Amino acid sequence: MGGVRLELMPSLVAYGALSLATARYRFGYAMLAGLIQDSFSASAPYGFSALSYGIAALILIRGERFLDRDLPWVQAGAAFLVAFVNGVIAILSSGWFSAGTIPKLALLGLLSAFLAPWLFAGIDYLAREMRRESI
């Protein structure tokens, strides 16, 4: 779709930033997810996704008391934020900007936002089932 592909990682980072036990785990998860993404990608210098996911996780961690992670629009907004911050950092790192990048960033954010509630529900379901099986 116009050079934009569906990415799971922004939604997974949003899930971790809103769901894990402590702020340290949330930030570490975001950084680890970014490093994993950078290791499989040749499009940006190593560590830039970790930087952008870490920044987005810090924003979500700081606003945690105002957010109800069980609301689908909060989940979608968190995923949009993670995808948008990642895109902005990628543009700033490459130094390449054009008028067409803003719609692509918005589309990437919207795709991540659409995917996030489904991913949150699926992971929460699996976590409940695993807890039920262990009892």
Foldseek 3Di string as FASTA:
>chain_A
DLPADADQLLLVLLCLLQPDDDLVRSLVVQLVSQQVVQVVDDLAPHRLSSVLSNVLSVVCNVCNVVDDVLDLQSSLVSSLSSLLSSLVSSCVRVVDDDPVSVVSSNVNSNSSSVCNVVVNVVVVVVVVVVVVVVD
